Each structure stands twice: as C-alpha cells, then as structure tokens.
Amino acid sequence: MVKVTTALLKGFSLALGLEEEALGEYFKQADTLSSAVFIRYPEMEDYPNIIIAEDGTELGYGAHQDVDLLVLLAQSNVQNLQALTGDGTYRDVPPNDTCFLVNAGTYMDYLTHG
C-alpha cells in the first residue's frame, strides 16, 4: 500500500507541475488524515441499498466526501458506486472487478488548492 501510494503521489505531483516529491512529504503512515485508504464496498444487489436502523438512523454509504489524501477503491462487478460530476449530477461508475478507483480526498484538495 505504501509503495502504491508513493508512486501515485509522485504521479499527481508531476501532473500538477510540481516537484516529484512535493505531495509525498504529506503522506505519513502513522497519520490517519494523510493516509491513503484501501477499501472495498460490499456488493449490493438492490442498489442503492439504504438500511434504516431501529432508531431511524440511515446506514449505508450515501453521498459523502473522503477526507483522506487518497482512497483506493477495489471495485466489484455489481453497480454500487456513483461520482459527483462538475455539473452537480451523479453518474454511475461502471463496475469492473479488475480495476481500482483512485479518489483524491479533501486533504488532497486542500494541499493543491483545488
């Protein structure tokens, strides 16, 4: 995970016209805010599958922003992910269990000024 994150951050740095190590200095394994997160959402046949707890709390992965530096998302073959586009609409991310989605979180947004 550390090697993948380091390589991705070098690529992001170069793509932004920065020195190769510019974003890497913010990646600290022990710091949860600066971490890269590897996750896999569970497959859900009835997408979007929102579960309501006994107290009325909505459980699931509704609209949210990832706060981390990078999020690496292992996909499945079941449609269960959408992304917010620049025009404010949500679009389905095509499922593909041989791919990873790399999401720049709000910490990356902060460091790069958008």
PDB file of N, CA and C in Angstrom:
ATOM      1  N   MET A   1       0.817  -1.181   0.000  1.00  0.00           N
ATOM      2  CA  MET A   1       0.000   0.000   0.000  1.00  0.00           C
ATOM      3  C   MET A   1       0.869   1.256   0.000  1.00  0.00           C
ATOM      4  N   VAL A   2       1.916   1.253   0.788  1.00  0.00           N
ATOM      5  CA  VAL A   2       2.802   2.416   0.877  1.00  0.00           C
ATOM      6  C   VAL A   2       3.487   2.674  -0.466  1.00  0.00           C
ATOM      7  N   LYS A   3       3.950   1.629  -1.128  1.00  0.00           N
ATOM      8  CA  LYS A   3       4.622   1.790  -2.418  1.00  0.00           C
ATOM      9  C   LYS A   3       3.663   2.313  -3.481  1.00  0.00           C
ATOM     10  N   VAL A   4       2.450   1.793  -3.495  1.00  0.00           N
ATOM     11  CA  VAL A   4       1.449   2.251  -4.460  1.00  0.00           C
ATOM     12  C   VAL A   4       1.114   3.722  -4.206  1.00  0.00           C
ATOM     13  N   THR A   5       0.884   4.068  -2.955  1.00  0.00           N
ATOM     14  CA  THR A   5       0.557   5.452  -2.602  1.00  0.00           C
ATOM     15  C   THR A   5       1.690   6.392  -2.981  1.00  0.00           C
ATOM     16  N   THR A   6       2.912   6.016  -2.682  1.00  0.00           N
ATOM     17  CA  THR A   6       4.073   6.842  -3.006  1.00  0.00           C
ATOM     18  C   THR A   6       4.167   7.070  -4.516  1.00  0.00           C
ATOM     19  N   ALA A   7       3.963   6.011  -5.296  1.00  0.00           N
ATOM     20  CA  ALA A   7       4.011   6.133  -6.752  1.00  0.00           C
ATOM     21  C   ALA A   7       2.893   7.034  -7.270  1.00  0.00           C
ATOM     22  N   LEU A   8       1.688   6.873  -6.734  1.00  0.00           N
ATOM     23  CA  LEU A   8       0.570   7.711  -7.160  1.00  0.00           C
ATOM     24  C   LEU A   8       0.810   9.180  -6.826  1.00  0.00           C
ATOM     25  N   LEU A   9       1.338   9.435  -5.651  1.00  0.00           N
ATOM     26  CA  LEU A   9       1.597  10.819  -5.253  1.00  0.00           C
ATOM     27  C   LEU A   9       2.672  11.466  -6.129  1.00  0.00           C
ATOM     28  N   LYS A  10       3.664  10.687  -6.532  1.00  0.00           N
ATOM     29  CA  LYS A  10       4.666  11.215  -7.466  1.00  0.00           C
ATOM     30  C   LYS A  10       3.994  11.584  -8.790  1.00  0.00           C
ATOM     31  N   GLY A  11       3.109  10.717  -9.258  1.00  0.00           N
ATOM     32  CA  GLY A  11       2.395  10.997 -10.500  1.00  0.00           C
ATOM     33  C   GLY A  11       1.508  12.220 -10.400  1.00  0.00           C
ATOM     34  N   PHE A  12       0.774  12.347  -9.295  1.00  0.00           N
ATOM     35  CA  PHE A  12      -0.063  13.530  -9.079  1.00  0.00           C
ATOM     36  C   PHE A  12       0.801  14.797  -9.043  1.00  0.00           C
ATOM     37  N   SER A  13       1.934  14.729  -8.341  1.00  0.00           N
ATOM     38  CA  SER A  13       2.825  15.884  -8.244  1.00  0.00           C
ATOM     39  C   SER A  13       3.292  16.332  -9.625  1.00  0.00           C
ATOM     40  N   LEU A  14       3.782  15.396 -10.411  1.00  0.00           N
ATOM     41  CA  LEU A  14       4.278  15.731 -11.747  1.00  0.00           C
ATOM     42  C   LEU A  14       3.165  16.256 -12.639  1.00  0.00           C
ATOM     43  N   ALA A  15       1.973  15.652 -12.553  1.00  0.00           N
ATOM     44  CA  ALA A  15       0.838  16.093 -13.365  1.00  0.00           C
ATOM     45  C   ALA A  15       0.419  17.514 -13.017  1.00  0.00           C
ATOM     46  N   LEU A  16       0.664  17.926 -11.776  1.00  0.00           N
ATOM     47  CA  LEU A  16       0.321  19.274 -11.339  1.00  0.00           C
ATOM     48  C   LEU A  16       1.460  20.270 -11.559  1.00  0.00           C
ATOM     49  N   GLY A  17       2.541  19.794 -12.181  1.00  0.00           N
ATOM     50  CA  GLY A  17       3.666  20.685 -12.446  1.00  0.00           C
ATOM     51  C   GLY A  17       4.534  20.947 -11.238  1.00  0.00           C
ATOM     52  N   LEU A  18       4.446  20.083 -10.244  1.00  0.00           N
ATOM     53  CA  LEU A  18       5.233  20.226  -9.018  1.00  0.00           C
ATOM     54  C   LEU A  18       6.455  19.320  -9.073  1.00  0.00           C
ATOM     55  N   GLU A  19       7.351  19.505  -8.131  1.00  0.00           N
ATOM     56  CA  GLU A  19       8.478  18.575  -7.996  1.00  0.00           C
ATOM     57  C   GLU A  19       7.927  17.188  -7.676  1.00  0.00           C
ATOM     58  N   GLU A  20       8.626  16.164  -8.116  1.00  0.00           N
ATOM     59  CA  GLU A  20       8.149  14.785  -7.972  1.00  0.00           C
ATOM     60  C   GLU A  20       7.792  14.415  -6.537  1.00  0.00           C
ATOM     61  N   GLU A  21       8.510  14.897  -5.563  1.00  0.00           N
ATOM     62  CA  GLU A  21       8.287  14.542  -4.158  1.00  0.00           C
ATOM     63  C   GLU A  21       7.370  15.523  -3.423  1.00  0.00           C
ATOM     64  N   ALA A  22       6.815  16.505  -4.110  1.00  0.00           N
ATOM     65  CA  ALA A  22       6.064  17.580  -3.451  1.00  0.00           C
ATOM     66  C   ALA A  22       4.906  17.071  -2.595  1.00  0.00           C
ATOM     67  N   LEU A  23       4.077  16.199  -3.113  1.00  0.00           N
ATOM     68  CA  LEU A  23       2.937  15.708  -2.333  1.00  0.00           C
ATOM     69  C   LEU A  23       3.326  14.571  -1.396  1.00  0.00           C
ATOM     70  N   GLY A  24       4.401  13.868  -1.712  1.00  0.00           N
ATOM     71  CA  GLY A  24       4.844  12.750  -0.885  1.00  0.00           C
ATOM     72  C   GLY A  24       5.212  13.155   0.523  1.00  0.00           C
ATOM     73  N   GLU A  25       5.641  14.401   0.693  1.00  0.00           N
ATOM     74  CA  GLU A  25       6.016  14.854   2.037  1.00  0.00           C
ATOM     75  C   GLU A  25       4.821  14.908   2.984  1.00  0.00           C
ATOM     76  N   TYR A  26       3.614  14.923   2.444  1.00  0.00           N
ATOM     77  CA  TYR A  26       2.407  14.971   3.276  1.00  0.00           C
ATOM     78  C   TYR A  26       1.869  13.586   3.621  1.00  0.00           C
ATOM     79  N   PHE A  27       2.448  12.550   3.040  1.00  0.00           N
ATOM     80  CA  PHE A  27       1.999  11.181   3.294  1.00  0.00           C
ATOM     81  C   PHE A  27       2.775  10.611   4.470  1.00  0.00           C
ATOM     82  N   LYS A  28       2.067  10.406   5.574  1.00  0.00           N
ATOM     83  CA  LYS A  28       2.664   9.844   6.782  1.00  0.00           C
ATOM     84  C   LYS A  28       1.849   8.613   7.175  1.00  0.00           C
ATOM     85  N   GLN A  29       2.472   7.473   7.199  1.00  0.00           N
ATOM     86  CA  GLN A  29       1.761   6.230   7.515  1.00  0.00           C
ATOM     87  C   GLN A  29       1.029   6.274   8.841  1.00  0.00           C
ATOM     88  N   ALA A  30       1.602   6.932   9.824  1.00  0.00           N
ATOM     89  CA  ALA A  30       1.010   6.925  11.166  1.00  0.00           C
ATOM     90  C   ALA A  30      -0.082   7.973  11.351  1.00  0.00           C
ATOM     91  N   ASP A  31      -0.262   8.854  10.383  1.00  0.00           N
ATOM     92  CA  ASP A  31      -1.225   9.936  10.488  1.00  0.00           C
ATOM     93  C   ASP A  31      -2.463   9.591   9.666  1.00  0.00           C
ATOM     94  N   THR A  32      -3.581   9.413  10.320  1.00  0.00           N
ATOM     95  CA  THR A  32      -4.772   8.952   9.604  1.00  0.00           C
ATOM     96  C   THR A  32      -5.281   9.959   8.584  1.00  0.00           C
ATOM     97  N   LEU A  33      -5.095  11.255   8.809  1.00  0.00           N
ATOM     98  CA  LEU A  33      -5.573  12.243   7.851  1.00  0.00           C
ATOM     99  C   LEU A  33      -4.766  12.202   6.565  1.00  0.00           C
ATOM    100  N   SER A  34      -3.473  11.972   6.683  1.00  0.00           N
ATOM    101  CA  SER A  34      -2.628  11.987   5.494  1.00  0.00           C
ATOM    102  C   SER A  34      -2.516  10.608   4.859  1.00  0.00           C
ATOM    103  N   SER A  35      -3.262   9.665   5.348  1.00  0.00           N
ATOM    104  CA  SER A  35      -3.116   8.303   4.862  1.00  0.00           C
ATOM    105  C   SER A  35      -3.830   8.080   3.543  1.00  0.00           C
ATOM    106  N   ALA A  36      -3.431   7.029   2.925  1.00  0.00           N
ATOM    107  CA  ALA A  36      -4.178   6.517   1.793  1.00  0.00           C
ATOM    108  C   ALA A  36      -4.986   5.354   2.337  1.00  0.00           C
ATOM    109  N   VAL A  37      -6.206   5.241   1.905  1.00  0.00           N
ATOM    110  CA  VAL A  37      -7.114   4.224   2.424  1.00  0.00           C
ATOM    111  C   VAL A  37      -7.449   3.242   1.315  1.00  0.00           C
ATOM    112  N   PHE A  38      -7.426   1.974   1.644  1.00  0.00           N
ATOM    113  CA  PHE A  38      -7.808   0.935   0.695  1.00  0.00           C
ATOM    114  C   PHE A  38      -9.117   0.332   1.190  1.00  0.00           C
ATOM    115  N   ILE A  39     -10.175   0.451   0.384  1.00  0.00           N
ATOM    116  CA  ILE A  39     -11.471  -0.078   0.801  1.00  0.00           C
ATOM    117  C   ILE A  39     -12.143  -0.817  -0.339  1.00  0.00           C
ATOM    118  N   ARG A  40     -13.125  -1.594   0.034  1.00  0.00           N
ATOM    119  CA  ARG A  40     -13.994  -2.260  -0.934  1.00  0.00           C
ATOM    120  C   ARG A  40     -15.399  -2.233  -0.356  1.00  0.00           C
ATOM    121  N   TYR A  41     -16.297  -1.548  -1.055  1.00  0.00           N
ATOM    122  CA  TYR A  41     -17.682  -1.528  -0.618  1.00  0.00           C
ATOM    123  C   TYR A  41     -18.289  -2.905  -0.840  1.00  0.00           C
ATOM    124  N   PRO A  42     -19.181  -3.319   0.037  1.00  0.00           N
ATOM    125  CA  PRO A  42     -19.819  -4.629  -0.163  1.00  0.00           C
ATOM    126  C   PRO A  42     -20.712  -4.603  -1.393  1.00  0.00           C
ATOM    127  N   GLU A  43     -20.820  -5.754  -2.041  1.00  0.00           N
ATOM    128  CA  GLU A  43     -21.721  -5.863  -3.183  1.00  0.00           C
ATOM    129  C   GLU A  43     -23.158  -5.770  -2.697  1.00  0.00           C
ATOM    130  N   MET A  44     -23.963  -4.986  -3.400  1.00  0.00           N
ATOM    131  CA  MET A  44     -25.370  -4.812  -3.040  1.00  0.00           C
ATOM    132  C   MET A  44     -26.214  -5.071  -4.278  1.00  0.00           C
ATOM    133  N   GLU A  45     -27.065  -6.052  -4.214  1.00  0.00           N
ATOM    134  CA  GLU A  45     -27.917  -6.379  -5.356  1.00  0.00           C
ATOM    135  C   GLU A  45     -28.961  -5.303  -5.609  1.00  0.00           C
ATOM    136  N   ASP A  46     -29.543  -4.743  -4.560  1.00  0.00           N
ATOM    137  CA  ASP A  46     -30.583  -3.720  -4.692  1.00  0.00           C
ATOM    138  C   ASP A  46     -29.969  -2.347  -4.459  1.00  0.00           C
ATOM    139  N   TYR A  47     -29.265  -1.853  -5.465  1.00  0.00           N
ATOM    140  CA  TYR A  47     -28.566  -0.584  -5.341  1.00  0.00           C
ATOM    141  C   TYR A  47     -29.500   0.555  -5.679  1.00  0.00           C
ATOM    142  N   PRO A  48     -29.537   1.667  -5.001  1.00  0.00           N
ATOM    143  CA  PRO A  48     -28.806   1.880  -3.742  1.00  0.00           C
ATOM    144  C   PRO A  48     -29.533   1.232  -2.582  1.00  0.00           C
ATOM    145  N   ASN A  49     -28.793   0.534  -1.795  1.00  0.00           N
ATOM    146  CA  ASN A  49     -29.349  -0.208  -0.677  1.00  0.00           C
ATOM    147  C   ASN A  49     -29.121   0.584   0.605  1.00  0.00           C
ATOM    148  N   ILE A  50     -30.145   1.269   1.075  1.00  0.00           N
ATOM    149  CA  ILE A  50     -30.054   2.023   2.317  1.00  0.00           C
ATOM    150  C   ILE A  50     -30.823   1.252   3.380  1.00  0.00           C
ATOM    151  N   ILE A  51     -30.175   0.982   4.470  1.00  0.00           N
ATOM    152  CA  ILE A  51     -30.785   0.249   5.579  1.00  0.00           C
ATOM    153  C   ILE A  51     -31.111   1.252   6.675  1.00  0.00           C
ATOM    154  N   ILE A  52     -32.299   1.148   7.239  1.00  0.00           N
ATOM    155  CA  ILE A  52     -32.706   2.035   8.325  1.00  0.00           C
ATOM    156  C   ILE A  52     -32.654   1.254   9.638  1.00  0.00           C
ATOM    157  N   ALA A  53     -31.865   1.760  10.585  1.00  0.00           N
ATOM    158  CA  ALA A  53     -31.749   1.114  11.888  1.00  0.00           C
ATOM    159  C   ALA A  53     -33.025   1.335  12.696  1.00  0.00           C
ATOM    160  N   GLU A  54     -33.156   0.616  13.799  1.00  0.00           N
ATOM    161  CA  GLU A  54     -34.352   0.721  14.641  1.00  0.00           C
ATOM    162  C   GLU A  54     -34.601   2.147  15.122  1.00  0.00           C
ATOM    163  N   ASP A  55     -33.521   2.921  15.337  1.00  0.00           N
ATOM    164  CA  ASP A  55     -33.687   4.294  15.820  1.00  0.00           C
ATOM    165  C   ASP A  55     -33.885   5.304  14.684  1.00  0.00           C
ATOM    166  N   GLY A  56     -33.988   4.812  13.441  1.00  0.00           N
ATOM    167  CA  GLY A  56     -34.216   5.683  12.293  1.00  0.00           C
ATOM    168  C   GLY A  56     -32.947   6.156  11.602  1.00  0.00           C
ATOM    169  N   THR A  57     -31.791   5.765  12.122  1.00  0.00           N
ATOM    170  CA  THR A  57     -30.525   6.155  11.513  1.00  0.00           C
ATOM    171  C   THR A  57     -30.356   5.463  10.174  1.00  0.00           C
ATOM    172  N   GLU A  58     -29.945   6.234   9.162  1.00  0.00           N
ATOM    173  CA  GLU A  58     -29.705   5.684   7.834  1.00  0.00           C
ATOM    174  C   GLU A  58     -28.321   5.058   7.800  1.00  0.00           C
ATOM    175  N   LEU A  59     -28.246   3.797   7.445  1.00  0.00           N
ATOM    176  CA  LEU A  59     -26.976   3.078   7.372  1.00  0.00           C
ATOM    177  C   LEU A  59     -26.644   2.803   5.919  1.00  0.00           C
ATOM    178  N   GLY A  60     -25.442   2.992   5.558  1.00  0.00           N
ATOM    179  CA  GLY A  60     -25.021   2.748   4.186  1.00  0.00           C
ATOM    180  C   GLY A  60     -23.971   3.757   3.792  1.00  0.00           C
ATOM    181  N   TYR A  61     -23.675   3.782   2.530  1.00  0.00           N
ATOM    182  CA  TYR A  61     -22.658   4.684   2.014  1.00  0.00           C
ATOM    183  C   TYR A  61     -23.327   5.712   1.125  1.00  0.00           C
ATOM    184  N   GLY A  62     -24.036   6.645   1.733  1.00  0.00           N
ATOM    185  CA  GLY A  62     -24.694   7.700   0.978  1.00  0.00           C
ATOM    186  C   GLY A  62     -23.677   8.702   0.470  1.00  0.00           C
ATOM    187  N   ALA A  63     -24.164   9.806  -0.069  1.00  0.00           N
ATOM    188  CA  ALA A  63     -23.283  10.840  -0.598  1.00  0.00           C
ATOM    189  C   ALA A  63     -22.331  11.317   0.499  1.00  0.00           C
ATOM    190  N   HIS A  64     -21.052  11.362   0.180  1.00  0.00           N
ATOM    191  CA  HIS A  64     -20.051  11.789   1.142  1.00  0.00           C
ATOM    192  C   HIS A  64     -18.777  12.211   0.423  1.00  0.00           C
ATOM    193  N   GLN A  65     -17.907  12.861   1.137  1.00  0.00           N
ATOM    194  CA  GLN A  65     -16.575  13.186   0.642  1.00  0.00           C
ATOM    195  C   GLN A  65     -15.568  12.423   1.466  1.00  0.00           C
ATOM    196  N   ASP A  66     -14.553  11.901   0.809  1.00  0.00           N
ATOM    197  CA  ASP A  66     -13.474  11.218   1.512  1.00  0.00           C
ATOM    198  C   ASP A  66     -12.478  12.268   1.990  1.00  0.00           C
ATOM    199  N   VAL A  67     -12.115  12.218   3.258  1.00  0.00           N
ATOM    200  CA  VAL A  67     -11.228  13.229   3.825  1.00  0.00           C
ATOM    201  C   VAL A  67      -9.755  12.896   3.650  1.00  0.00           C
ATOM    202  N   ASP A  68      -9.443  11.688   3.296  1.00  0.00           N
ATOM    203  CA  ASP A  68      -8.064  11.236   3.206  1.00  0.00           C
ATOM    204  C   ASP A  68      -7.320  11.874   2.038  1.00  0.00           C
ATOM    205  N   LEU A  69      -6.044  11.667   1.996  1.00  0.00           N
ATOM    206  CA  LEU A  69      -5.215  12.126   0.893  1.00  0.00           C
ATOM    207  C   LEU A  69      -5.623  11.384  -0.381  1.00  0.00           C
ATOM    208  N   LEU A  70      -5.601  10.078  -0.326  1.00  0.00           N
ATOM    209  CA  LEU A  70      -6.032   9.228  -1.443  1.00  0.00           C
ATOM    210  C   LEU A  70      -6.888   8.090  -0.923  1.00  0.00           C
ATOM    211  N   VAL A  71      -7.846   7.676  -1.722  1.00  0.00           N
ATOM    212  CA  VAL A  71      -8.640   6.491  -1.426  1.00  0.00           C
ATOM    213  C   VAL A  71      -8.532   5.566  -2.631  1.00  0.00           C
ATOM    214  N   LEU A  72      -8.100   4.342  -2.397  1.00  0.00           N
ATOM    215  CA  LEU A  72      -8.043   3.334  -3.439  1.00  0.00           C
ATOM    216  C   LEU A  72      -9.209   2.394  -3.206  1.00  0.00           C
ATOM    217  N   LEU A  73     -10.111   2.350  -4.148  1.00  0.00           N
ATOM    218  CA  LEU A  73     -11.339   1.585  -4.001  1.00  0.00           C
ATOM    219  C   LEU A  73     -11.308   0.378  -4.926  1.00  0.00           C
ATOM    220  N   ALA A  74     -11.317  -0.811  -4.338  1.00  0.00           N
ATOM    221  CA  ALA A  74     -11.421  -2.045  -5.122  1.00  0.00           C
ATOM    222  C   ALA A  74     -12.871  -2.191  -5.558  1.00  0.00           C
ATOM    223  N   GLN A  75     -13.082  -2.309  -6.848  1.00  0.00           N
ATOM    224  CA  GLN A  75     -14.438  -2.400  -7.355  1.00  0.00           C
ATOM    225  C   GLN A  75     -14.907  -3.848  -7.438  1.00  0.00           C
ATOM    226  N   SER A  76     -16.206  -4.012  -7.667  1.00  0.00           N
ATOM    227  CA  SER A  76     -16.800  -5.322  -7.901  1.00  0.00           C
ATOM    228  C   SER A  76     -17.507  -5.280  -9.243  1.00  0.00           C
ATOM    229  N   ASN A  77     -18.154  -6.354  -9.610  1.00  0.00           N
ATOM    230  CA  ASN A  77     -18.923  -6.391 -10.859  1.00  0.00           C
ATOM    231  C   ASN A  77     -20.362  -5.945 -10.665  1.00  0.00           C
ATOM    232  N   VAL A  78     -20.723  -5.532  -9.461  1.00  0.00           N
ATOM    233  CA  VAL A  78     -22.080  -5.086  -9.173  1.00  0.00           C
ATOM    234  C   VAL A  78     -22.074  -3.560  -9.102  1.00  0.00           C
ATOM    235  N   GLN A  79     -23.007  -2.923  -9.809  1.00  0.00           N
ATOM    236  CA  GLN A  79     -23.093  -1.465  -9.789  1.00  0.00           C
ATOM    237  C   GLN A  79     -23.458  -0.993  -8.384  1.00  0.00           C
ATOM    238  N   ASN A  80     -22.540  -0.273  -7.743  1.00  0.00           N
ATOM    239  CA  ASN A  80     -22.818   0.241  -6.400  1.00  0.00           C
ATOM    240  C   ASN A  80     -22.025   1.500  -6.078  1.00  0.00           C
ATOM    241  N   LEU A  81     -21.640   2.250  -7.110  1.00  0.00           N
ATOM    242  CA  LEU A  81     -20.855   3.447  -6.868  1.00  0.00           C
ATOM    243  C   LEU A  81     -21.227   4.525  -7.871  1.00  0.00           C
ATOM    244  N   GLN A  82     -21.374   5.742  -7.363  1.00  0.00           N
ATOM    245  CA  GLN A  82     -21.599   6.906  -8.207  1.00  0.00           C
ATOM    246  C   GLN A  82     -20.588   7.986  -7.831  1.00  0.00           C
ATOM    247  N   ALA A  83     -20.327   8.887  -8.782  1.00  0.00           N
ATOM    248  CA  ALA A  83     -19.422  10.005  -8.542  1.00  0.00           C
ATOM    249  C   ALA A  83     -20.119  11.301  -8.932  1.00  0.00           C
ATOM    250  N   LEU A  84     -19.860  12.334  -8.159  1.00  0.00           N
ATOM    251  CA  LEU A  84     -20.424  13.649  -8.428  1.00  0.00           C
ATOM    252  C   LEU A  84     -19.587  14.321  -9.508  1.00  0.00           C
ATOM    253  N   THR A  85     -20.246  14.785 -10.567  1.00  0.00           N
ATOM    254  CA  THR A  85     -19.543  15.419 -11.679  1.00  0.00           C
ATOM    255  C   THR A  85     -19.468  16.925 -11.472  1.00  0.00           C
ATOM    256  N   GLY A  86     -18.717  17.591 -12.305  1.00  0.00           N
ATOM    257  CA  GLY A  86     -18.545  19.027 -12.209  1.00  0.00           C
ATOM    258  C   GLY A  86     -19.825  19.822 -12.372  1.00  0.00           C
ATOM    259  N   ASP A  87     -20.814  19.245 -13.066  1.00  0.00           N
ATOM    260  CA  ASP A  87     -22.078  19.969 -13.246  1.00  0.00           C
ATOM    261  C   ASP A  87     -23.092  19.669 -12.150  1.00  0.00           C
ATOM    262  N   GLY A  88     -22.651  18.938 -11.106  1.00  0.00           N
ATOM    263  CA  GLY A  88     -23.515  18.698  -9.954  1.00  0.00           C
ATOM    264  C   GLY A  88     -24.425  17.495 -10.057  1.00  0.00           C
ATOM    265  N   THR A  89     -24.235  16.652 -11.054  1.00  0.00           N
ATOM    266  CA  THR A  89     -25.043  15.442 -11.180  1.00  0.00           C
ATOM    267  C   THR A  89     -24.205  14.222 -10.794  1.00  0.00           C
ATOM    268  N   TYR A  90     -24.901  13.194 -10.339  1.00  0.00           N
ATOM    269  CA  TYR A  90     -24.227  11.939 -10.013  1.00  0.00           C
ATOM    270  C   TYR A  90     -24.281  11.019 -11.223  1.00  0.00           C
ATOM    271  N   ARG A  91     -23.163  10.354 -11.491  1.00  0.00           N
ATOM    272  CA  ARG A  91     -23.101   9.393 -12.586  1.00  0.00           C
ATOM    273  C   ARG A  91     -22.599   8.075 -12.038  1.00  0.00           C
ATOM    274  N   ASP A  92     -23.149   6.988 -12.580  1.00  0.00           N
ATOM    275  CA  ASP A  92     -22.682   5.666 -12.195  1.00  0.00           C
ATOM    276  C   ASP A  92     -21.238   5.471 -12.639  1.00  0.00           C
ATOM    277  N   VAL A  93     -20.433   4.880 -11.775  1.00  0.00           N
ATOM    278  CA  VAL A  93     -19.089   4.461 -12.129  1.00  0.00           C
ATOM    279  C   VAL A  93     -19.223   3.019 -12.609  1.00  0.00           C
ATOM    280  N   PRO A  94     -18.877   2.758 -13.873  1.00  0.00           N
ATOM    281  CA  PRO A  94     -19.059   1.402 -14.396  1.00  0.00           C
ATOM    282  C   PRO A  94     -18.323   0.370 -13.532  1.00  0.00           C
ATOM    283  N   PRO A  95     -19.016  -0.700 -13.135  1.00  0.00           N
ATOM    284  CA  PRO A  95     -18.362  -1.715 -12.301  1.00  0.00           C
ATOM    285  C   PRO A  95     -17.355  -2.526 -13.103  1.00  0.00           C
ATOM    286  N   ASN A  96     -16.246  -2.854 -12.471  1.00  0.00           N
ATOM    287  CA  ASN A  96     -15.216  -3.667 -13.105  1.00  0.00           C
ATOM    288  C   ASN A  96     -14.323  -4.217 -12.007  1.00  0.00           C
ATOM    289  N   ASP A  97     -14.426  -5.510 -11.748  1.00  0.00           N
ATOM    290  CA  ASP A  97     -13.683  -6.081 -10.626  1.00  0.00           C
ATOM    291  C   ASP A  97     -12.194  -6.267 -10.901  1.00  0.00           C
ATOM    292  N   THR A  98     -11.716  -5.798 -12.044  1.00  0.00           N
ATOM    293  CA  THR A  98     -10.284  -5.856 -12.324  1.00  0.00           C
ATOM    294  C   THR A  98      -9.632  -4.476 -12.178  1.00  0.00           C
ATOM    295  N   CYS A  99     -10.394  -3.498 -11.688  1.00  0.00           N
ATOM    296  CA  CYS A  99      -9.893  -2.125 -11.596  1.00  0.00           C
ATOM    297  C   CYS A  99      -9.959  -1.585 -10.173  1.00  0.00           C
ATOM    298  N   PHE A 100      -9.167  -0.573  -9.955  1.00  0.00           N
ATOM    299  CA  PHE A 100      -9.224   0.212  -8.723  1.00  0.00           C
ATOM    300  C   PHE A 100      -9.590   1.635  -9.106  1.00  0.00           C
ATOM    301  N   LEU A 101     -10.436   2.247  -8.326  1.00  0.00           N
ATOM    302  CA  LEU A 101     -10.744   3.654  -8.498  1.00  0.00           C
ATOM    303  C   LEU A 101      -9.848   4.407  -7.520  1.00  0.00           C
ATOM    304  N   VAL A 102      -9.164   5.426  -7.996  1.00  0.00           N
ATOM    305  CA  VAL A 102      -8.311   6.237  -7.137  1.00  0.00           C
ATOM    306  C   VAL A 102      -8.996   7.586  -6.973  1.00  0.00           C
ATOM    307  N   ASN A 103      -9.353   7.906  -5.745  1.00  0.00           N
ATOM    308  CA  ASN A 103     -10.059   9.132  -5.439  1.00  0.00           C
ATOM    309  C   ASN A 103      -9.153  10.051  -4.625  1.00  0.00           C
ATOM    310  N   ALA A 104      -9.020  11.288  -5.085  1.00  0.00           N
ATOM    311  CA  ALA A 104      -8.297  12.289  -4.313  1.00  0.00           C
ATOM    312  C   ALA A 104      -9.268  12.868  -3.296  1.00  0.00           C
ATOM    313  N   GLY A 105      -8.941  12.719  -2.035  1.00  0.00           N
ATOM    314  CA  GLY A 105      -9.825  13.188  -0.973  1.00  0.00           C
ATOM    315  C   GLY A 105      -9.713  14.678  -0.713  1.00  0.00           C
ATOM    316  N   THR A 106     -10.455  15.142   0.263  1.00  0.00           N
ATOM    317  CA  THR A 106     -10.482  16.576   0.562  1.00  0.00           C
ATOM    318  C   THR A 106      -9.133  17.086   1.081  1.00  0.00           C
ATOM    319  N   TYR A 107      -8.321  16.202   1.661  1.00  0.00           N
ATOM    320  CA  TYR A 107      -6.979  16.628   2.090  1.00  0.00           C
ATOM    321  C   TYR A 107      -6.133  16.956   0.870  1.00  0.00           C
ATOM    322  N   MET A 108      -6.244  16.165  -0.195  1.00  0.00           N
ATOM    323  CA  MET A 108      -5.521  16.459  -1.438  1.00  0.00           C
ATOM    324  C   MET A 108      -6.022  17.787  -2.018  1.00  0.00           C
ATOM    325  N   ASP A 109      -7.327  17.988  -1.970  1.00  0.00           N
ATOM    326  CA  ASP A 109      -7.910  19.237  -2.450  1.00  0.00           C
ATOM    327  C   ASP A 109      -7.326  20.428  -1.689  1.00  0.00           C
ATOM    328  N   TYR A 110      -7.208  20.290  -0.388  1.00  0.00           N
ATOM    329  CA  TYR A 110      -6.634  21.344   0.457  1.00  0.00           C
ATOM    330  C   TYR A 110      -5.182  21.626   0.084  1.00  0.00           C
ATOM    331  N   LEU A 111      -4.386  20.565  -0.075  1.00  0.00           N
ATOM    332  CA  LEU A 111      -2.972  20.732  -0.360  1.00  0.00           C
ATOM    333  C   LEU A 111      -2.703  21.356  -1.732  1.00  0.00           C
ATOM    334  N   THR A 112      -3.573  21.056  -2.684  1.00  0.00           N
ATOM    335  CA  THR A 112      -3.373  21.543  -4.054  1.00  0.00           C
ATOM    336  C   THR A 112      -4.198  22.772  -4.382  1.00  0.00           C
ATOM    337  N   HIS A 113      -4.944  23.247  -3.401  1.00  0.00           N
ATOM    338  CA  HIS A 113      -5.829  24.421  -3.588  1.00  0.00           C
ATOM    339  C   HIS A 113      -6.855  24.188  -4.684  1.00  0.00           C
ATOM    340  N   GLY A 114      -7.392  22.957  -4.666  1.00  0.00           N
ATOM    341  CA  GLY A 114      -8.462  22.625  -5.608  1.00  0.00           C
ATOM    342  C   GLY A 114      -7.945  22.145  -6.906  1.00  0.00           C
TER     343      GLY A 114
END
